[in-house]
Amino acid sequence: MNLPEKNLYQQIHPARLITDWTTGLYACYMVWNQEIIPAVILAFIPSLIVSLVIVKFGDLEKTKNSAFGKYYKRTYNRTVDLVRFAGFVIMAGGSWSHSFPTIGVGLAVIIGTWTYGLFTPKQ
Protein backbone atom coordinates (compact mmCIF):
# COMPACT_ATOMS: atom_id res chain seq x y z
CA MET A 1 0.00 0.00 0.00
CA ASN A 2 1.42 3.38 -0.98
CA LEU A 3 1.58 6.44 1.27
CA PRO A 4 -1.51 8.23 -0.14
CA GLU A 5 -3.56 5.07 0.43
CA LYS A 6 -2.18 4.69 3.95
CA ASN A 7 -3.04 8.32 4.65
CA LEU A 8 -6.59 7.74 3.40
CA TYR A 9 -7.30 4.56 5.33
CA GLN A 10 -5.60 5.55 8.58
CA GLN A 11 -8.37 8.12 8.94
CA ILE A 12 -10.93 5.37 9.47
CA HIS A 13 -8.80 3.02 11.57
CA PRO A 14 -10.65 2.34 14.85
CA ALA A 15 -7.77 3.72 16.95
CA ARG A 16 -7.82 6.97 14.99
CA LEU A 17 -11.61 7.32 15.17
CA ILE A 18 -11.66 6.68 18.92
CA THR A 19 -8.81 9.16 19.41
CA ASP A 20 -10.49 11.85 17.28
CA TRP A 21 -13.89 11.54 18.92
CA THR A 22 -12.70 11.35 22.52
CA THR A 23 -10.12 14.12 22.26
CA GLY A 24 -12.46 16.28 20.16
CA LEU A 25 -15.27 16.06 22.69
CA TYR A 26 -12.94 16.68 25.62
CA ALA A 27 -11.35 19.60 23.75
CA CYS A 28 -14.83 21.11 23.36
CA TYR A 29 -15.32 20.70 27.11
CA MET A 30 -12.04 22.55 27.65
CA VAL A 31 -13.14 25.32 25.26
CA TRP A 32 -16.40 25.52 27.23
CA ASN A 33 -14.20 26.29 30.27
CA GLN A 34 -12.18 28.84 28.26
CA GLU A 35 -9.00 26.72 28.31
CA ILE A 36 -8.04 27.41 24.69
CA ILE A 37 -4.36 26.43 24.46
CA PRO A 38 -4.80 23.05 26.20
CA ALA A 39 -7.90 22.42 24.07
CA VAL A 40 -6.02 23.07 20.82
CA ILE A 41 -3.17 20.82 21.92
CA LEU A 42 -5.59 18.08 22.93
CA ALA A 43 -7.60 18.40 19.71
CA PHE A 44 -4.64 17.92 17.39
CA ILE A 45 -1.54 16.34 18.97
CA PRO A 46 -2.95 12.92 20.00
CA SER A 47 -4.58 12.44 16.57
CA LEU A 48 -1.33 13.35 14.84
CA ILE A 49 0.64 10.86 16.93
CA VAL A 50 -1.92 8.09 16.40
CA SER A 51 -1.94 8.80 12.65
CA LEU A 52 1.85 8.58 12.43
CA VAL A 53 1.91 5.30 14.34
CA ILE A 54 -0.86 3.78 12.20
CA VAL A 55 0.79 4.85 8.93
CA LYS A 56 4.19 3.55 10.06
CA PHE A 57 3.17 0.30 11.74
CA GLY A 58 -0.50 -0.40 11.00
CA ASP A 59 -1.78 -3.04 8.62
CA LEU A 60 -4.45 -1.12 6.72
CA GLU A 61 -5.30 -3.78 4.12
CA LYS A 62 -8.20 -5.08 6.22
CA THR A 63 -9.52 -1.53 6.58
CA LYS A 64 -9.11 -0.89 2.85
CA ASN A 65 -10.99 -4.05 1.89
CA SER A 66 -13.83 -3.56 4.38
CA ALA A 67 -17.24 -2.22 3.37
CA PHE A 68 -16.45 0.96 5.33
CA GLY A 69 -13.11 1.30 3.54
CA LYS A 70 -14.79 1.03 0.14
CA TYR A 71 -17.47 3.52 1.19
CA TYR A 72 -14.84 5.94 2.49
CA LYS A 73 -12.75 5.73 -0.68
CA ARG A 74 -15.89 6.47 -2.74
CA THR A 75 -17.03 9.42 -0.63
CA TYR A 76 -13.84 11.05 0.68
CA ASN A 77 -12.34 14.17 -0.85
CA ARG A 78 -10.63 17.31 0.45
CA THR A 79 -13.91 19.25 0.49
CA VAL A 80 -15.43 16.65 2.81
CA ASP A 81 -12.36 16.95 5.02
CA LEU A 82 -12.67 20.74 5.17
CA VAL A 83 -16.41 20.61 5.89
CA ARG A 84 -15.80 18.05 8.65
CA PHE A 85 -13.18 20.37 10.17
CA ALA A 86 -15.62 23.28 9.85
CA GLY A 87 -18.13 21.21 11.82
CA PHE A 88 -15.58 20.83 14.60
CA VAL A 89 -14.89 24.58 14.55
CA ILE A 90 -18.65 25.21 14.84
CA MET A 91 -18.77 22.82 17.81
CA ALA A 92 -15.84 24.63 19.42
CA GLY A 93 -17.53 27.99 18.83
CA GLY A 94 -20.70 26.67 20.41
CA SER A 95 -18.65 25.40 23.34
CA TRP A 96 -17.01 28.81 23.77
CA SER A 97 -20.38 30.56 23.82
CA HIS A 98 -22.10 27.78 25.83
CA SER A 99 -24.62 27.23 23.04
CA PHE A 100 -25.94 23.69 22.84
CA PRO A 101 -27.82 24.42 19.58
CA THR A 102 -24.57 25.58 17.93
CA ILE A 103 -22.75 22.51 19.21
CA GLY A 104 -25.57 20.42 17.75
CA VAL A 105 -25.22 22.12 14.36
CA GLY A 106 -21.49 21.40 14.33
CA LEU A 107 -22.10 17.78 15.27
CA ALA A 108 -24.75 17.49 12.55
CA VAL A 109 -22.27 18.83 9.99
CA ILE A 110 -19.70 16.23 11.06
CA ILE A 111 -22.23 13.40 10.98
CA GLY A 112 -23.40 14.65 7.58
CA THR A 113 -19.89 14.37 6.13
CA TRP A 114 -19.67 10.77 7.31
CA THR A 115 -23.10 9.73 6.05
CA TYR A 116 -23.89 11.75 2.93
CA GLY A 117 -22.71 8.88 0.71
CA LEU A 118 -25.59 6.78 1.98
CA PHE A 119 -27.95 9.14 0.15
CA THR A 120 -26.05 9.61 -3.10
CA PRO A 121 -25.98 7.16 -5.99
CA LYS A 122 -22.96 4.89 -6.25
CA GLN A 123 -20.83 5.67 -9.26
C-alpha atoms as a PDB file:
ATOM      1  CA  MET A   1       0.000   0.000   0.000  1.00  0.00           C
ATOM      2  CA  ASN A   2       1.423   3.377  -0.984  1.00  0.00           C
ATOM      3  CA  LEU A   3       1.578   6.445   1.269  1.00  0.00           C
ATOM      4  CA  PRO A   4      -1.510   8.232  -0.140  1.00  0.00           C
ATOM      5  CA  GLU A   5      -3.564   5.067   0.434  1.00  0.00           C
ATOM      6  CA  LYS A   6      -2.179   4.693   3.948  1.00  0.00           C
ATOM      7  CA  ASN A   7      -3.044   8.322   4.648  1.00  0.00           C
ATOM      8  CA  LEU A   8      -6.591   7.743   3.404  1.00  0.00           C
ATOM      9  CA  TYR A   9      -7.300   4.556   5.325  1.00  0.00           C
ATOM     10  CA  GLN A  10      -5.595   5.549   8.580  1.00  0.00           C
ATOM     11  CA  GLN A  11      -8.371   8.124   8.942  1.00  0.00           C
ATOM     12  CA  ILE A  12     -10.932   5.365   9.469  1.00  0.00           C
ATOM     13  CA  HIS A  13      -8.796   3.023  11.571  1.00  0.00           C
ATOM     14  CA  PRO A  14     -10.651   2.344  14.851  1.00  0.00           C
ATOM     15  CA  ALA A  15      -7.773   3.721  16.954  1.00  0.00           C
ATOM     16  CA  ARG A  16      -7.821   6.966  14.991  1.00  0.00           C
ATOM     17  CA  LEU A  17     -11.614   7.325  15.166  1.00  0.00           C
ATOM     18  CA  ILE A  18     -11.661   6.682  18.919  1.00  0.00           C
ATOM     19  CA  THR A  19      -8.813   9.159  19.408  1.00  0.00           C
ATOM     20  CA  ASP A  20     -10.487  11.846  17.280  1.00  0.00           C
ATOM     21  CA  TRP A  21     -13.894  11.538  18.920  1.00  0.00           C
ATOM     22  CA  THR A  22     -12.697  11.349  22.518  1.00  0.00           C
ATOM     23  CA  THR A  23     -10.118  14.117  22.262  1.00  0.00           C
ATOM     24  CA  GLY A  24     -12.458  16.277  20.165  1.00  0.00           C
ATOM     25  CA  LEU A  25     -15.266  16.056  22.695  1.00  0.00           C
ATOM     26  CA  TYR A  26     -12.940  16.680  25.623  1.00  0.00           C
ATOM     27  CA  ALA A  27     -11.352  19.603  23.747  1.00  0.00           C
ATOM     28  CA  CYS A  28     -14.832  21.109  23.363  1.00  0.00           C
ATOM     29  CA  TYR A  29     -15.320  20.697  27.111  1.00  0.00           C
ATOM     30  CA  MET A  30     -12.044  22.554  27.654  1.00  0.00           C
ATOM     31  CA  VAL A  31     -13.135  25.316  25.258  1.00  0.00           C
ATOM     32  CA  TRP A  32     -16.396  25.520  27.231  1.00  0.00           C
ATOM     33  CA  ASN A  33     -14.198  26.289  30.267  1.00  0.00           C
ATOM     34  CA  GLN A  34     -12.181  28.842  28.257  1.00  0.00           C
ATOM     35  CA  GLU A  35      -8.996  26.717  28.308  1.00  0.00           C
ATOM     36  CA  ILE A  36      -8.043  27.407  24.694  1.00  0.00           C
ATOM     37  CA  ILE A  37      -4.362  26.427  24.460  1.00  0.00           C
ATOM     38  CA  PRO A  38      -4.797  23.053  26.198  1.00  0.00           C
ATOM     39  CA  ALA A  39      -7.896  22.421  24.072  1.00  0.00           C
ATOM     40  CA  VAL A  40      -6.022  23.070  20.823  1.00  0.00           C
ATOM     41  CA  ILE A  41      -3.167  20.817  21.924  1.00  0.00           C
ATOM     42  CA  LEU A  42      -5.594  18.076  22.928  1.00  0.00           C
ATOM     43  CA  ALA A  43      -7.604  18.398  19.713  1.00  0.00           C
ATOM     44  CA  PHE A  44      -4.645  17.916  17.386  1.00  0.00           C
ATOM     45  CA  ILE A  45      -1.545  16.341  18.966  1.00  0.00           C
ATOM     46  CA  PRO A  46      -2.948  12.922  19.995  1.00  0.00           C
ATOM     47  CA  SER A  47      -4.575  12.440  16.569  1.00  0.00           C
ATOM     48  CA  LEU A  48      -1.329  13.355  14.844  1.00  0.00           C
ATOM     49  CA  ILE A  49       0.637  10.863  16.934  1.00  0.00           C
ATOM     50  CA  VAL A  50      -1.917   8.086  16.397  1.00  0.00           C
ATOM     51  CA  SER A  51      -1.939   8.801  12.648  1.00  0.00           C
ATOM     52  CA  LEU A  52       1.846   8.584  12.427  1.00  0.00           C
ATOM     53  CA  VAL A  53       1.910   5.301  14.344  1.00  0.00           C
ATOM     54  CA  ILE A  54      -0.856   3.781  12.196  1.00  0.00           C
ATOM     55  CA  VAL A  55       0.791   4.853   8.931  1.00  0.00           C
ATOM     56  CA  LYS A  56       4.187   3.552  10.062  1.00  0.00           C
ATOM     57  CA  PHE A  57       3.168   0.300  11.744  1.00  0.00           C
ATOM     58  CA  GLY A  58      -0.497  -0.396  10.998  1.00  0.00           C
ATOM     59  CA  ASP A  59      -1.783  -3.043   8.617  1.00  0.00           C
ATOM     60  CA  LEU A  60      -4.446  -1.120   6.720  1.00  0.00           C
ATOM     61  CA  GLU A  61      -5.301  -3.781   4.117  1.00  0.00           C
ATOM     62  CA  LYS A  62      -8.201  -5.077   6.218  1.00  0.00           C
ATOM     63  CA  THR A  63      -9.521  -1.532   6.576  1.00  0.00           C
ATOM     64  CA  LYS A  64      -9.106  -0.889   2.847  1.00  0.00           C
ATOM     65  CA  ASN A  65     -10.994  -4.052   1.892  1.00  0.00           C
ATOM     66  CA  SER A  66     -13.835  -3.562   4.381  1.00  0.00           C
ATOM     67  CA  ALA A  67     -17.239  -2.219   3.374  1.00  0.00           C
ATOM     68  CA  PHE A  68     -16.454   0.962   5.328  1.00  0.00           C
ATOM     69  CA  GLY A  69     -13.110   1.295   3.537  1.00  0.00           C
ATOM     70  CA  LYS A  70     -14.793   1.034   0.143  1.00  0.00           C
ATOM     71  CA  TYR A  71     -17.468   3.523   1.192  1.00  0.00           C
ATOM     72  CA  TYR A  72     -14.839   5.939   2.486  1.00  0.00           C
ATOM     73  CA  LYS A  73     -12.754   5.727  -0.678  1.00  0.00           C
ATOM     74  CA  ARG A  74     -15.888   6.469  -2.738  1.00  0.00           C
ATOM     75  CA  THR A  75     -17.027   9.419  -0.632  1.00  0.00           C
ATOM     76  CA  TYR A  76     -13.839  11.046   0.682  1.00  0.00           C
ATOM     77  CA  ASN A  77     -12.341  14.167  -0.846  1.00  0.00           C
ATOM     78  CA  ARG A  78     -10.633  17.309   0.453  1.00  0.00           C
ATOM     79  CA  THR A  79     -13.907  19.250   0.488  1.00  0.00           C
ATOM     80  CA  VAL A  80     -15.427  16.653   2.808  1.00  0.00           C
ATOM     81  CA  ASP A  81     -12.358  16.952   5.019  1.00  0.00           C
ATOM     82  CA  LEU A  82     -12.669  20.743   5.170  1.00  0.00           C
ATOM     83  CA  VAL A  83     -16.413  20.608   5.886  1.00  0.00           C
ATOM     84  CA  ARG A  84     -15.801  18.047   8.654  1.00  0.00           C
ATOM     85  CA  PHE A  85     -13.178  20.365  10.166  1.00  0.00           C
ATOM     86  CA  ALA A  86     -15.617  23.281   9.847  1.00  0.00           C
ATOM     87  CA  GLY A  87     -18.127  21.212  11.817  1.00  0.00           C
ATOM     88  CA  PHE A  88     -15.578  20.829  14.596  1.00  0.00           C
ATOM     89  CA  VAL A  89     -14.885  24.582  14.545  1.00  0.00           C
ATOM     90  CA  ILE A  90     -18.645  25.208  14.840  1.00  0.00           C
ATOM     91  CA  MET A  91     -18.774  22.824  17.810  1.00  0.00           C
ATOM     92  CA  ALA A  92     -15.835  24.632  19.418  1.00  0.00           C
ATOM     93  CA  GLY A  93     -17.528  27.991  18.830  1.00  0.00           C
ATOM     94  CA  GLY A  94     -20.697  26.666  20.412  1.00  0.00           C
ATOM     95  CA  SER A  95     -18.646  25.402  23.336  1.00  0.00           C
ATOM     96  CA  TRP A  96     -17.006  28.809  23.773  1.00  0.00           C
ATOM     97  CA  SER A  97     -20.378  30.557  23.821  1.00  0.00           C
ATOM     98  CA  HIS A  98     -22.104  27.785  25.830  1.00  0.00           C
ATOM     99  CA  SER A  99     -24.620  27.232  23.045  1.00  0.00           C
ATOM    100  CA  PHE A 100     -25.945  23.686  22.838  1.00  0.00           C
ATOM    101  CA  PRO A 101     -27.818  24.417  19.578  1.00  0.00           C
ATOM    102  CA  THR A 102     -24.573  25.578  17.930  1.00  0.00           C
ATOM    103  CA  ILE A 103     -22.747  22.511  19.215  1.00  0.00           C
ATOM    104  CA  GLY A 104     -25.573  20.423  17.747  1.00  0.00           C
ATOM    105  CA  VAL A 105     -25.218  22.117  14.365  1.00  0.00           C
ATOM    106  CA  GLY A 106     -21.488  21.399  14.333  1.00  0.00           C
ATOM    107  CA  LEU A 107     -22.104  17.778  15.274  1.00  0.00           C
ATOM    108  CA  ALA A 108     -24.752  17.487  12.545  1.00  0.00           C
ATOM    109  CA  VAL A 109     -22.265  18.831   9.989  1.00  0.00           C
ATOM    110  CA  ILE A 110     -19.696  16.226  11.063  1.00  0.00           C
ATOM    111  CA  ILE A 111     -22.229  13.400  10.976  1.00  0.00           C
ATOM    112  CA  GLY A 112     -23.395  14.647   7.580  1.00  0.00           C
ATOM    113  CA  THR A 113     -19.894  14.369   6.135  1.00  0.00           C
ATOM    114  CA  TRP A 114     -19.668  10.772   7.309  1.00  0.00           C
ATOM    115  CA  THR A 115     -23.104   9.727   6.047  1.00  0.00           C
ATOM    116  CA  TYR A 116     -23.887  11.755   2.928  1.00  0.00           C
ATOM    117  CA  GLY A 117     -22.711   8.884   0.712  1.00  0.00           C
ATOM    118  CA  LEU A 118     -25.592   6.776   1.982  1.00  0.00           C
ATOM    119  CA  PHE A 119     -27.951   9.141   0.153  1.00  0.00           C
ATOM    120  CA  THR A 120     -26.046   9.610  -3.095  1.00  0.00           C
ATOM    121  CA  PRO A 121     -25.975   7.160  -5.991  1.00  0.00           C
ATOM    122  CA  LYS A 122     -22.959   4.886  -6.252  1.00  0.00           C
ATOM    123  CA  GLN A 123     -20.827   5.669  -9.262  1.00  0.00           C
END
